Amino acid sequence: MSEVIPTSHFKKQWKKVMKNPRWHNIFHGEVPFTDDHRSPWEYVINCFLNDEKIPDYFYEHPINLTSQQKKTIKNRLGSLNNVEVKGLDLHFDGHNGDHLLLYVQTNQEIVYLVGIGTHSDLF
């Protein structure tokens, strides 16, 4: 089981998207490929917590982290040596969607939530 930790930057963006009605389906809708009635947000977080593979629907792919983002994550990990930090993003609403989650997976079973928003918000 992994631990999911939001960064302070993520928390600021989270508050903003929670107020935006365009994000309603991400938090209150249903994933189209299952019958368990979970929202895309719940589905993805559950995958993180249970170390499950993210389905292809979410179009998970690597991103380049800024040196500041890498430094922040490594500082949080403290004295752990040889920690691999890889940045990824996924699309809550499918391959062509514009509702993104930026996150970092480490080889220490920790997932850091780095950003949430649209392409224009994040890049």
Protein backbone atom coordinates (compact mmCIF):
# COMPACT_ATOMS: atom_id res chain seq x y z
CA MET A 1 0.00 0.00 0.00
CA SER A 2 1.32 3.43 -0.97
CA GLU A 3 1.07 6.72 0.83
CA VAL A 4 -0.40 9.70 -1.07
CA ILE A 5 0.93 13.10 0.01
CA PRO A 6 -0.26 16.42 -1.45
CA THR A 7 2.30 19.21 -1.77
CA SER A 8 1.40 22.72 -0.59
CA HIS A 9 1.29 23.88 -4.23
CA PHE A 10 -1.18 21.08 -5.02
CA LYS A 11 -3.40 22.10 -2.09
CA LYS A 12 -3.70 25.66 -3.46
CA GLN A 13 -4.63 24.38 -6.90
CA TRP A 14 -7.05 21.84 -5.35
CA LYS A 15 -9.04 24.61 -3.67
CA LYS A 16 -9.32 26.43 -7.00
CA VAL A 17 -10.53 23.44 -9.04
CA MET A 18 -13.02 22.37 -6.35
CA LYS A 19 -14.81 25.71 -6.86
CA ASN A 20 -14.85 25.34 -10.65
CA PRO A 21 -18.05 23.72 -12.01
CA ARG A 22 -16.12 22.33 -14.99
CA TRP A 23 -14.46 19.89 -12.57
CA HIS A 24 -17.75 18.53 -11.21
CA ASN A 25 -17.64 15.33 -13.30
CA ILE A 26 -14.08 14.58 -12.17
CA PHE A 27 -15.09 14.53 -8.50
CA HIS A 28 -18.77 13.54 -8.72
CA GLY A 29 -19.17 11.76 -12.06
CA GLU A 30 -18.47 8.12 -12.85
CA VAL A 31 -15.60 6.38 -14.59
CA PRO A 32 -17.05 5.18 -17.93
CA PHE A 33 -15.39 1.76 -18.00
CA THR A 34 -16.53 0.27 -14.65
CA ASP A 35 -19.81 -0.45 -12.89
CA ASP A 36 -18.65 0.50 -9.40
CA HIS A 37 -19.87 4.13 -9.62
CA ARG A 38 -16.57 5.72 -8.53
CA SER A 39 -15.60 9.16 -9.79
CA PRO A 40 -12.40 9.49 -11.82
CA TRP A 41 -10.77 11.16 -8.78
CA GLU A 42 -11.72 8.30 -6.43
CA TYR A 43 -10.65 5.71 -8.98
CA VAL A 44 -7.17 7.19 -9.46
CA ILE A 45 -6.52 7.77 -5.76
CA ASN A 46 -7.61 4.20 -5.05
CA CYS A 47 -5.12 2.96 -7.67
CA PHE A 48 -2.35 4.92 -5.92
CA LEU A 49 -3.28 3.67 -2.46
CA ASN A 50 -3.50 0.03 -3.56
CA ASP A 51 -0.47 0.06 -5.89
CA GLU A 52 -2.65 -0.77 -8.89
CA LYS A 53 -1.83 0.06 -12.49
CA ILE A 54 -3.56 3.19 -13.80
CA PRO A 55 -5.79 2.12 -16.74
CA ASP A 56 -4.88 3.35 -20.23
CA TYR A 57 -8.06 5.45 -20.30
CA PHE A 58 -6.33 8.03 -18.07
CA TYR A 59 -3.39 8.41 -20.49
CA GLU A 60 -0.67 8.33 -17.84
CA HIS A 61 2.65 9.57 -19.24
CA PRO A 62 5.99 10.97 -18.00
CA ILE A 63 6.65 14.69 -17.64
CA ASN A 64 9.77 16.69 -16.94
CA LEU A 65 9.83 18.11 -13.43
CA THR A 66 11.46 21.43 -12.68
CA SER A 67 14.63 21.30 -10.63
CA GLN A 68 12.72 23.01 -7.80
CA GLN A 69 10.03 20.30 -7.82
CA LYS A 70 12.67 17.55 -7.72
CA LYS A 71 14.51 19.31 -4.90
CA THR A 72 11.32 19.73 -2.86
CA ILE A 73 10.39 16.06 -3.18
CA LYS A 74 13.91 14.86 -2.34
CA ASN A 75 14.01 17.18 0.69
CA ARG A 76 10.75 15.68 1.94
CA LEU A 77 12.23 12.21 1.68
CA GLY A 78 15.04 13.23 3.99
CA SER A 79 18.10 11.06 4.25
CA LEU A 80 16.89 8.25 1.97
CA ASN A 81 19.60 7.51 -0.58
CA ASN A 82 19.14 6.39 -4.17
CA VAL A 83 15.55 7.57 -4.36
CA GLU A 84 14.17 7.56 -7.88
CA VAL A 85 11.77 10.43 -8.46
CA LYS A 86 9.73 10.29 -11.66
CA GLY A 87 7.16 12.83 -12.70
CA LEU A 88 3.96 11.72 -14.39
CA ASP A 89 0.67 13.20 -15.41
CA LEU A 90 -2.69 11.72 -16.25
CA HIS A 91 -5.90 12.93 -17.83
CA PHE A 92 -8.97 12.34 -15.67
CA ASP A 93 -11.24 12.54 -18.69
CA GLY A 94 -9.41 10.39 -21.19
CA HIS A 95 -6.62 10.87 -23.70
CA ASN A 96 -7.90 14.17 -25.14
CA GLY A 97 -9.17 15.55 -21.85
CA ASP A 98 -7.98 18.76 -20.22
CA HIS A 99 -8.34 17.83 -16.54
CA LEU A 100 -4.84 16.87 -15.40
CA LEU A 101 -3.15 15.52 -12.31
CA LEU A 102 0.63 15.94 -11.95
CA TYR A 103 2.27 13.57 -9.52
CA VAL A 104 5.55 12.01 -8.55
CA GLN A 105 6.04 8.35 -7.78
CA THR A 106 9.06 7.29 -5.80
CA ASN A 107 10.61 3.89 -5.30
CA GLN A 108 9.70 4.28 -1.60
CA GLU A 109 5.95 3.61 -2.15
CA ILE A 110 5.10 7.28 -1.85
CA VAL A 111 3.05 9.28 -4.36
CA TYR A 112 3.31 13.07 -4.18
CA LEU A 113 0.46 15.05 -5.70
CA VAL A 114 2.23 17.99 -7.35
CA GLY A 115 -0.45 19.78 -9.37
CA ILE A 116 -4.03 19.66 -10.58
CA GLY A 117 -5.62 21.78 -13.30
CA THR A 118 -5.92 22.24 -17.03
CA HIS A 119 -3.03 22.38 -19.50
CA SER A 120 -3.11 26.18 -19.46
CA ASP A 121 -3.11 26.22 -15.64
CA LEU A 122 -0.15 23.90 -15.30
CA PHE A 123 2.12 24.49 -18.31
